[in-house]
């Protein structure tokens, strides 16, 4: 009998590196996704340290994409159950084709095309790419970090509202970061650590939904979180934020306390109808009281209608190829340098950028992402996943008045990597039951 040869030390070192690196990368993905939602935190930190200057606002996205790439390298074999991978791959293939179309038929440079992709679709598309970290981050950690970010943001927002002063920087010295629409009829909209008060209100809606979902297990703490989120959402003075908050919180209550397996499935349509009714109500109120000011004013809605009419006419007068595959017009952070006005409508924004075909494909992908989250929220009643599905239920309603693909994409990724309370290996939970699969 001969002794077995000693194991090769190199594979052992590689294995130990994989074991050590994987949790770090998973937590980094979670952190960068949350900082993508709280999109002004990193720029504000840079400006505080550098006296108003900012080096770059791409740090968070760069870290997120890098960690996802390394995760795919560490775990090349992935479980894709339930995730809309086929639609996702079709959309990716279409976007690759679009580079040629926008360059050849719309005369848009490759750099500008990639910039528009980065601004509008990158975070939305990284969700399915995060499969390497599926169920890898404990839900308890995600909830605690989210609540901590909310409490910090709430404190800053309250100071801004009650002092009627921005307190933080509203624009960097290089003008590559700017807080949008932070003045509302001589009042400061609370924007806290965000790029706009709208993004702050979206985060409040997510936290309010989380509070309602938590109230089933922790009634006092959950309802307190929901109340603070509602109060904070109010001081953003953003009416679309109010609508998103109402829809998301009601969806969270229906999924959390409902009994039917199909609960919540029709809510995006119901909320879209609510948004449409709200729009017509604003038009009628403007006819009755055209000079009304403050939160009751419909002046911003009239501005939006003018913007939508302008871009709709451009689209209708475009050649057939651009109707089908887009004109390449994309809303950037500093739209004034590329567009005469903001678009502020998700459907019109996608159509004038990627055409009717692109709009259909992206809508199908987003609908599949919503259905995945709803199914998982019903089958695995985890509070964080319920809050994620609740925010996603508002995408059709919120898309009437604004574009919110970035927070939706980040929330989807967080829900995908959200696991149970204890540490588990990635891709080992059944999304239908939330349990470890039975051994063969």
Protein backbone atom coordinates (compact mmCIF):
# COMPACT_ATOMS: atom_id res chain seq x y z
CA UNK A 1 0.00 0.00 0.00
CA UNK A 2 1.47 3.32 -1.03
CA UNK A 3 0.87 6.68 0.50
CA UNK A 4 -1.27 9.12 -1.48
CA UNK A 5 0.70 12.03 -2.90
CA UNK A 6 0.27 15.32 -1.15
CA UNK A 7 -2.30 17.59 -2.72
CA UNK A 8 -1.06 20.30 -5.00
CA UNK A 9 -0.74 23.52 -2.94
CA UNK A 10 -1.70 25.79 -5.86
CA UNK A 11 -5.28 24.58 -6.20
CA UNK A 12 -5.63 24.83 -2.41
CA UNK A 13 -4.46 28.44 -2.48
CA UNK A 14 -6.81 29.22 -5.35
CA UNK A 15 -9.68 27.57 -3.50
CA UNK A 16 -9.00 29.52 -0.30
CA UNK A 17 -8.79 32.76 -2.31
CA UNK A 18 -12.17 31.98 -3.85
CA UNK A 19 -13.70 31.29 -0.45
CA UNK A 20 -12.29 34.53 1.00
CA UNK A 21 -13.06 36.74 -2.00
CA UNK A 22 -16.63 35.64 -2.64
CA UNK A 23 -18.27 37.10 0.52
CA UNK A 24 -16.31 40.34 0.11
CA UNK A 25 -17.46 40.71 -3.48
CA UNK A 26 -21.06 39.89 -2.56
CA UNK A 27 -21.16 42.54 0.17
CA UNK A 28 -19.47 45.04 -2.15
CA UNK A 29 -22.17 44.45 -4.79
CA UNK A 30 -24.84 45.07 -2.14
CA UNK A 31 -23.11 48.24 -0.92
CA UNK A 32 -22.60 49.67 -4.40
CA UNK A 33 -26.23 48.95 -5.32
CA UNK A 34 -27.44 50.84 -2.27
CA UNK A 35 -25.08 53.71 -3.07
CA UNK A 36 -26.42 53.70 -6.63
CA UNK A 37 -29.88 54.35 -5.18
CA UNK A 38 -28.51 56.96 -2.75
CA UNK A 39 -26.84 58.52 -5.77
CA UNK A 40 -25.50 61.72 -4.23
CA UNK A 41 -23.65 60.19 -1.28
CA UNK A 42 -20.33 59.49 -3.02
CA UNK A 43 -20.27 62.84 -4.94
CA UNK A 44 -21.14 64.77 -1.77
CA UNK A 45 -18.39 62.98 0.17
CA UNK A 46 -15.86 63.91 -2.51
CA UNK A 47 -16.99 67.56 -2.50
CA UNK A 48 -16.81 67.76 1.30
CA UNK A 49 -13.25 66.39 1.28
CA UNK A 50 -12.07 68.38 -1.76
CA UNK A 51 -13.84 71.66 -1.01
CA UNK A 52 -16.51 71.50 -3.69
CA UNK A 53 -14.48 69.61 -6.27
CA UNK A 54 -15.28 66.10 -7.47
CA UNK A 55 -12.94 63.66 -9.13
CA UNK A 56 -15.54 61.39 -10.75
CA UNK A 57 -19.13 60.24 -10.31
CA UNK A 58 -18.46 56.84 -11.89
CA UNK A 59 -16.83 55.19 -8.84
CA UNK A 60 -19.94 53.33 -7.69
CA UNK A 61 -20.86 51.92 -11.11
CA UNK A 62 -17.25 50.95 -11.83
CA UNK A 63 -16.99 49.04 -8.52
CA UNK A 64 -20.34 47.32 -9.15
CA UNK A 65 -19.47 46.16 -12.67
CA UNK A 66 -16.01 45.01 -11.57
CA UNK A 67 -17.41 42.91 -8.71
CA UNK A 68 -20.04 41.35 -10.97
CA UNK A 69 -17.37 40.40 -13.51
CA UNK A 70 -15.20 38.83 -10.80
CA UNK A 71 -18.23 37.00 -9.41
CA UNK A 72 -18.98 35.49 -12.81
CA UNK A 73 -15.33 34.35 -12.96
CA UNK A 74 -15.53 32.73 -9.52
CA UNK A 75 -18.86 31.02 -10.18
CA UNK A 76 -19.22 30.39 -13.93
CA UNK A 77 -22.00 27.79 -13.42
CA UNK A 78 -25.16 29.60 -12.37
CA UNK A 79 -28.76 28.76 -11.59
CA UNK A 80 -31.05 30.87 -13.78
CA UNK A 81 -34.38 29.57 -12.50
CA UNK A 82 -37.12 32.22 -12.54
CA UNK A 83 -34.89 35.05 -13.76
CA UNK A 84 -35.84 36.39 -17.24
CA UNK A 85 -32.53 35.40 -18.82
CA UNK A 86 -33.87 34.80 -22.34
CA UNK A 87 -35.50 38.24 -22.56
CA UNK A 88 -32.38 39.76 -20.99
CA UNK A 89 -30.14 38.17 -23.63
CA UNK A 90 -32.44 39.35 -26.43
CA UNK A 91 -32.32 42.90 -25.08
CA UNK A 92 -28.51 42.75 -24.88
CA UNK A 93 -28.32 41.51 -28.46
CA UNK A 94 -30.67 44.28 -29.58
CA UNK A 95 -28.55 46.94 -27.86
CA UNK A 96 -25.47 45.63 -29.67
CA UNK A 97 -27.34 45.92 -32.98
CA UNK A 98 -28.49 49.41 -31.97
CA UNK A 99 -24.88 50.62 -31.85
CA UNK A 100 -24.63 50.00 -35.60
CA UNK A 101 -28.07 51.52 -36.31
CA UNK A 102 -27.48 54.69 -34.28
CA UNK A 103 -24.02 55.14 -35.80
CA UNK A 104 -24.97 54.41 -39.43
CA UNK A 105 -28.52 55.80 -39.65
CA UNK A 106 -28.60 58.47 -36.95
CA UNK A 107 -24.97 59.64 -37.21
CA UNK A 108 -24.33 59.39 -33.47
CA UNK A 109 -20.79 58.69 -32.29
CA UNK A 110 -19.94 55.45 -30.44
CA UNK A 111 -18.89 57.32 -27.30
CA UNK A 112 -22.21 59.15 -27.06
CA UNK A 113 -24.09 55.89 -27.71
CA UNK A 114 -22.26 54.10 -24.89
CA UNK A 115 -22.79 57.07 -22.58
CA UNK A 116 -26.54 56.91 -23.18
CA UNK A 117 -26.51 53.15 -22.51
CA UNK A 118 -24.58 53.73 -19.30
CA UNK A 119 -26.97 56.44 -18.11
CA UNK A 120 -30.26 54.74 -18.98
CA UNK A 121 -29.84 50.97 -19.05
CA UNK A 122 -26.67 49.78 -17.31
CA UNK A 123 -28.08 49.40 -13.80
CA UNK A 124 -31.33 47.96 -15.15
CA UNK A 125 -29.37 45.29 -17.04
CA UNK A 126 -26.92 44.28 -14.30
CA UNK A 127 -29.68 42.62 -12.26
CA UNK A 128 -29.70 39.28 -14.12
CA UNK A 129 -25.91 39.56 -14.36
CA UNK A 130 -25.75 39.34 -10.55
CA UNK A 131 -26.70 35.65 -10.58
CA UNK A 132 -23.21 34.77 -9.33
CA UNK A 133 -24.24 36.27 -5.98
CA UNK A 134 -27.77 34.88 -5.84
CA UNK A 135 -28.96 34.64 -2.20
CA UNK A 136 -25.40 35.41 -1.02
CA UNK A 137 -26.07 38.38 1.30
CA UNK A 138 -28.14 37.87 4.47
CA UNK A 139 -31.41 39.81 4.47
CA UNK A 140 -30.68 41.10 7.97
CA UNK A 141 -27.59 42.91 6.73
CA UNK A 142 -29.44 44.48 3.80
CA UNK A 143 -32.25 45.71 6.06
CA UNK A 144 -29.89 47.20 8.63
CA UNK A 145 -27.77 49.00 6.07
CA UNK A 146 -30.87 50.30 4.26
CA UNK A 147 -32.44 51.60 7.48
CA UNK A 148 -29.14 53.21 8.52
CA UNK A 149 -28.89 55.01 5.17
CA UNK A 150 -32.51 56.09 5.48
CA UNK A 151 -32.09 57.51 9.00
CA UNK A 152 -29.00 59.47 7.92
CA UNK A 153 -30.79 60.74 4.81
CA UNK A 154 -33.88 61.63 6.84
CA UNK A 155 -31.82 63.68 9.31
CA UNK A 156 -30.16 65.68 6.53
CA UNK A 157 -33.47 66.11 4.70
CA UNK A 158 -35.20 67.40 7.84
CA UNK A 159 -32.43 69.96 8.36
CA UNK A 160 -32.77 71.12 4.75
CA UNK A 161 -36.55 71.44 5.02
CA UNK A 162 -36.77 73.23 8.37
CA UNK A 163 -33.83 75.58 7.75
CA UNK A 164 -34.92 76.18 4.12
CA UNK A 165 -31.27 75.78 3.16
CA UNK A 166 -29.61 73.11 0.99
CA UNK A 167 -26.81 72.61 3.58
CA UNK A 168 -24.94 70.33 1.15
CA UNK A 169 -23.46 71.21 -2.25
CA UNK A 170 -25.99 71.59 -5.06
CA UNK A 171 -23.36 71.62 -7.82
CA UNK A 172 -19.71 70.63 -8.01
CA UNK A 173 -16.99 73.06 -9.06
CA UNK A 174 -16.60 71.19 -12.34
CA UNK A 175 -20.40 71.08 -12.87
CA UNK A 176 -20.28 67.28 -13.42
CA UNK A 177 -22.66 66.81 -10.50
CA UNK A 178 -25.77 68.89 -9.97
CA UNK A 179 -28.84 68.48 -7.79
CA UNK A 180 -31.92 68.82 -9.99
CA UNK A 181 -34.92 71.03 -9.10
CA UNK A 182 -34.07 71.57 -5.44
CA UNK A 183 -36.00 74.88 -5.30
CA UNK A 184 -39.81 74.73 -5.33
CA UNK A 185 -41.65 78.07 -5.10
CA UNK A 186 -38.94 79.62 -2.90
CA UNK A 187 -38.85 76.53 -0.68
CA UNK A 188 -36.01 74.01 -0.50
CA UNK A 189 -37.03 70.54 -1.48
CA UNK A 190 -35.32 68.03 0.79
CA UNK A 191 -32.89 66.12 -1.42
CA UNK A 192 -30.49 64.89 1.29
CA UNK A 193 -27.79 62.60 -0.16
CA UNK A 194 -29.48 62.27 -3.55
CA UNK A 195 -29.20 63.72 -7.03
CA UNK A 196 -32.78 65.02 -6.78
CA UNK A 197 -35.73 65.18 -4.42
CA UNK A 198 -37.50 62.66 -6.69
CA UNK A 199 -34.80 60.05 -6.10
CA UNK A 200 -35.02 60.78 -2.37
CA UNK A 201 -38.78 60.23 -2.46
CA UNK A 202 -38.30 56.93 -4.34
CA UNK A 203 -35.97 55.74 -1.59
CA UNK A 204 -38.56 56.82 0.99
CA UNK A 205 -41.18 54.76 -0.87
CA UNK A 206 -38.89 51.73 -0.74
CA UNK A 207 -38.27 52.21 2.99
CA UNK A 208 -41.98 52.75 3.65
CA UNK A 209 -42.73 49.47 1.86
CA UNK A 210 -40.01 47.79 3.90
CA UNK A 211 -41.57 49.12 7.10
CA UNK A 212 -45.00 47.72 6.17
CA UNK A 213 -43.45 44.33 5.32
CA UNK A 214 -41.51 44.29 8.60
CA UNK A 215 -44.62 45.14 10.61
CA UNK A 216 -45.83 41.57 10.33
CA UNK A 217 -42.94 40.36 12.51
CA UNK A 218 -42.03 43.60 14.28
CA UNK A 219 -45.20 45.74 14.44
CA UNK A 220 -43.81 48.71 16.34
CA UNK A 221 -40.51 49.03 14.53
CA UNK A 222 -42.03 48.35 11.12
CA UNK A 223 -44.84 50.89 11.50
CA UNK A 224 -42.41 53.46 12.92
CA UNK A 225 -40.18 53.04 9.86
CA UNK A 226 -43.20 53.40 7.54
CA UNK A 227 -44.34 56.56 9.38
CA UNK A 228 -40.89 58.16 9.25
CA UNK A 229 -40.62 57.28 5.55
CA UNK A 230 -44.00 58.91 4.86
CA UNK A 231 -43.02 62.05 6.78
CA UNK A 232 -39.70 62.26 4.98
CA UNK A 233 -41.32 61.68 1.59
CA UNK A 234 -43.61 64.64 2.27
CA UNK A 235 -40.74 67.10 2.80
CA UNK A 236 -39.33 66.27 -0.66
CA UNK A 237 -42.28 68.30 -2.06
CA UNK A 238 -42.36 65.92 -5.04
CA UNK A 239 -45.84 64.96 -6.13
CA UNK A 240 -44.74 62.03 -8.27
CA UNK A 241 -42.88 60.82 -5.19
CA UNK A 242 -46.12 60.95 -3.23
CA UNK A 243 -47.83 58.85 -5.88
CA UNK A 244 -45.00 56.31 -5.93
CA UNK A 245 -45.05 56.13 -2.12
CA UNK A 246 -48.81 55.50 -2.01
CA UNK A 247 -48.65 52.77 -4.64
CA UNK A 248 -45.57 51.02 -3.23
CA UNK A 249 -46.83 50.98 0.36
CA UNK A 250 -50.27 49.69 -0.64
CA UNK A 251 -48.65 46.94 -2.71
CA UNK A 252 -46.48 45.98 0.26
CA UNK A 253 -49.56 45.73 2.49
CA UNK A 254 -51.40 43.57 -0.06
CA UNK A 255 -48.49 41.15 -0.51
CA UNK A 256 -47.63 41.05 3.21
CA UNK A 257 -51.10 40.51 4.62
CA UNK A 258 -52.95 39.02 1.64
CA UNK A 259 -53.67 35.31 1.31
CA UNK A 260 -54.33 34.66 -2.37
CA UNK A 261 -51.35 33.34 -4.39
CA UNK A 262 -52.16 35.76 -7.23
CA UNK A 263 -52.24 38.84 -5.00
CA UNK A 264 -50.60 41.91 -6.46
CA UNK A 265 -50.32 40.58 -10.01
CA UNK A 266 -52.60 43.26 -11.51
CA UNK A 267 -51.31 46.17 -9.44
CA UNK A 268 -49.02 47.73 -12.11
CA UNK A 269 -52.07 48.15 -14.35
CA UNK A 270 -54.13 49.56 -11.50
CA UNK A 271 -51.36 52.03 -10.62
CA UNK A 272 -50.93 53.01 -14.27
CA UNK A 273 -54.64 53.83 -14.36
CA UNK A 274 -54.23 55.83 -11.14
CA UNK A 275 -51.35 57.80 -12.68
CA UNK A 276 -53.41 58.51 -15.80
CA UNK A 277 -56.35 59.73 -13.71
CA UNK A 278 -53.96 61.92 -11.70
CA UNK A 279 -52.66 63.47 -14.91
CA UNK A 280 -56.15 64.34 -16.18
CA UNK A 281 -57.11 65.67 -12.75
CA UNK A 282 -54.11 68.00 -12.95
CA UNK A 283 -55.19 69.22 -16.37
CA UNK A 284 -58.74 69.97 -15.20
CA UNK A 285 -57.46 71.75 -12.08
CA UNK A 286 -55.19 73.90 -14.24
CA UNK A 287 -58.16 74.96 -16.35
CA UNK A 288 -60.07 75.96 -13.22
CA UNK A 289 -57.19 77.64 -11.37
CA UNK A 290 -54.36 78.41 -13.84
CA UNK A 291 -52.56 80.71 -11.40
CA UNK A 292 -52.54 78.30 -8.45
CA UNK A 293 -49.13 77.93 -6.79
CA UNK A 294 -47.41 75.42 -4.54
CA UNK A 295 -48.15 71.69 -4.45
CA UNK A 296 -51.58 72.29 -6.00
CA UNK A 297 -50.08 73.91 -9.11
CA UNK A 298 -50.27 71.96 -12.38
CA UNK A 299 -47.73 74.16 -14.17
CA UNK A 300 -45.08 71.41 -14.23
CA UNK A 301 -47.62 69.05 -15.80
CA UNK A 302 -48.28 71.59 -18.57
CA UNK A 303 -44.52 71.82 -19.14
CA UNK A 304 -44.34 68.05 -19.40
CA UNK A 305 -47.16 67.95 -21.92
CA UNK A 306 -45.27 70.45 -24.06
CA UNK A 307 -42.13 68.27 -23.82
CA UNK A 308 -44.04 65.10 -24.69
CA UNK A 309 -45.72 66.80 -27.65
CA UNK A 310 -42.38 68.05 -28.97
CA UNK A 311 -40.68 64.65 -28.87
CA UNK A 312 -43.77 62.84 -30.16
CA UNK A 313 -43.79 65.09 -33.23
CA UNK A 314 -40.10 64.44 -33.82
CA UNK A 315 -40.79 60.72 -33.70
CA UNK A 316 -43.81 60.87 -36.01
CA UNK A 317 -41.80 62.82 -38.60
CA UNK A 318 -38.82 60.45 -38.46
CA UNK A 319 -38.04 57.86 -41.19
CA UNK A 320 -39.45 54.35 -40.79
CA UNK A 321 -36.09 52.88 -39.73
CA UNK A 322 -35.86 55.40 -36.89
CA UNK A 323 -39.45 54.74 -35.87
CA UNK A 324 -38.62 51.04 -35.56
CA UNK A 325 -35.11 51.26 -34.08
CA UNK A 326 -34.88 54.71 -32.57
CA UNK A 327 -33.58 58.20 -33.20
CA UNK A 328 -30.82 58.04 -30.58
CA UNK A 329 -32.24 60.89 -28.48
CA UNK A 330 -31.42 60.10 -24.87
CA UNK A 331 -31.95 61.97 -21.64
CA UNK A 332 -28.61 62.49 -19.92
CA UNK A 333 -27.75 63.99 -16.54
CA UNK A 334 -27.10 67.31 -18.24
CA UNK A 335 -29.79 67.06 -20.91
CA UNK A 336 -29.47 70.73 -21.82
CA UNK A 337 -26.32 69.94 -23.81
CA UNK A 338 -27.97 67.19 -25.86
CA UNK A 339 -31.72 67.87 -25.83
CA UNK A 340 -33.76 71.08 -25.92
CA UNK A 341 -35.86 69.82 -22.96
CA UNK A 342 -36.06 66.80 -20.62
CA UNK A 343 -38.31 63.95 -21.75
CA UNK A 344 -39.64 62.92 -18.33
CA UNK A 345 -41.67 60.00 -19.64
CA UNK A 346 -40.35 56.45 -19.69
CA UNK A 347 -42.25 55.24 -22.76
CA UNK A 348 -41.43 58.29 -24.90
CA UNK A 349 -37.80 58.23 -23.72
CA UNK A 350 -37.31 54.62 -24.81
CA UNK A 351 -39.17 55.08 -28.10
CA UNK A 352 -37.21 58.14 -29.26
CA UNK A 353 -33.98 56.47 -28.17
CA UNK A 354 -34.44 52.83 -29.25
CA UNK A 355 -37.62 52.88 -31.34
CA UNK A 356 -40.78 50.80 -31.14
CA UNK A 357 -38.86 47.51 -31.22
CA UNK A 358 -36.60 48.56 -28.37
CA UNK A 359 -39.58 49.80 -26.34
CA UNK A 360 -41.39 46.48 -26.75
CA UNK A 361 -38.33 44.44 -25.74
CA UNK A 362 -37.48 46.57 -22.71
CA UNK A 363 -41.12 46.57 -21.58
CA UNK A 364 -41.24 42.78 -21.82
CA UNK A 365 -38.01 42.48 -19.84
CA UNK A 366 -39.23 44.85 -17.10
CA UNK A 367 -42.55 43.01 -16.91
CA UNK A 368 -40.67 39.71 -16.49
CA UNK A 369 -38.49 41.23 -13.77
CA UNK A 370 -41.61 42.45 -11.91
CA UNK A 371 -43.24 39.01 -12.20
CA UNK A 372 -40.12 37.34 -10.82
CA UNK A 373 -40.07 39.64 -7.80
CA UNK A 374 -43.81 39.24 -7.15
CA UNK A 375 -43.65 35.44 -7.32
CA UNK A 376 -40.70 35.37 -4.97
CA UNK A 377 -42.30 37.86 -2.57
CA UNK A 378 -45.39 35.65 -2.35
CA UNK A 379 -43.57 32.31 -2.08
CA UNK A 380 -40.79 33.61 0.20
CA UNK A 381 -42.28 36.36 2.39
CA UNK A 382 -38.96 38.09 3.06
CA UNK A 383 -39.50 41.73 3.99
CA UNK A 384 -36.72 43.04 1.76
CA UNK A 385 -37.99 41.13 -1.28
CA UNK A 386 -41.56 42.32 -0.62
CA UNK A 387 -40.33 45.92 -0.51
CA UNK A 388 -38.44 45.39 -3.78
CA UNK A 389 -41.49 43.94 -5.51
CA UNK A 390 -43.62 46.78 -4.14
CA UNK A 391 -41.36 49.46 -5.60
CA UNK A 392 -41.30 47.60 -8.93
CA UNK A 393 -45.10 47.53 -9.01
CA UNK A 394 -45.02 51.30 -9.58
CA UNK A 395 -42.87 51.32 -12.73
CA UNK A 396 -45.77 51.86 -15.16
CA UNK A 397 -47.33 54.60 -13.03
CA UNK A 398 -44.08 56.42 -12.22
CA UNK A 399 -42.99 56.18 -15.85
CA UNK A 400 -45.77 58.54 -16.88
CA UNK A 401 -44.04 61.51 -15.24
CA UNK A 402 -40.37 60.54 -14.86
CA UNK A 403 -37.66 58.00 -15.66
CA UNK A 404 -36.63 55.81 -12.71
CA UNK A 405 -34.83 52.85 -14.30
CA UNK A 406 -31.68 53.24 -12.15
CA UNK A 407 -33.26 52.69 -8.70
CA UNK A 408 -35.44 49.90 -10.09
CA UNK A 409 -32.41 48.10 -11.51
CA UNK A 410 -30.47 48.45 -8.26
CA UNK A 411 -33.41 47.21 -6.17
CA UNK A 412 -33.83 44.17 -8.45
CA UNK A 413 -30.15 43.28 -7.97
CA UNK A 414 -30.46 43.65 -4.19
CA UNK A 415 -33.51 41.37 -4.14
CA UNK A 416 -31.69 38.81 -6.28
CA UNK A 417 -28.68 38.63 -3.94
CA UNK A 418 -30.86 38.78 -0.80
CA UNK A 419 -30.67 35.51 1.12
CA UNK A 420 -32.10 34.26 4.41
CA UNK A 421 -30.81 35.27 7.80
CA UNK A 422 -27.88 32.90 7.76
CA UNK A 423 -24.98 32.69 5.36
CA UNK A 424 -25.61 30.33 2.43
CA UNK A 425 -23.90 29.40 -0.77
CA UNK A 426 -25.11 31.23 -3.86
CA UNK A 427 -27.69 29.66 -6.14
CA UNK A 428 -28.73 26.99 -3.62
CA UNK A 429 -32.25 28.21 -2.76
CA UNK A 430 -35.38 27.31 -4.68
CA UNK A 431 -37.16 30.55 -5.57
CA UNK A 432 -40.51 28.78 -5.42
CA UNK A 433 -40.15 27.69 -1.78
CA UNK A 434 -37.19 29.66 -0.37
CA UNK A 435 -35.68 26.39 0.95
CA UNK A 436 -32.62 24.30 0.20
CA UNK A 437 -33.41 21.79 -2.56
CA UNK A 438 -33.73 18.18 -1.48
CA UNK A 439 -30.66 16.03 -1.84
CA UNK A 440 -30.76 13.61 -4.78
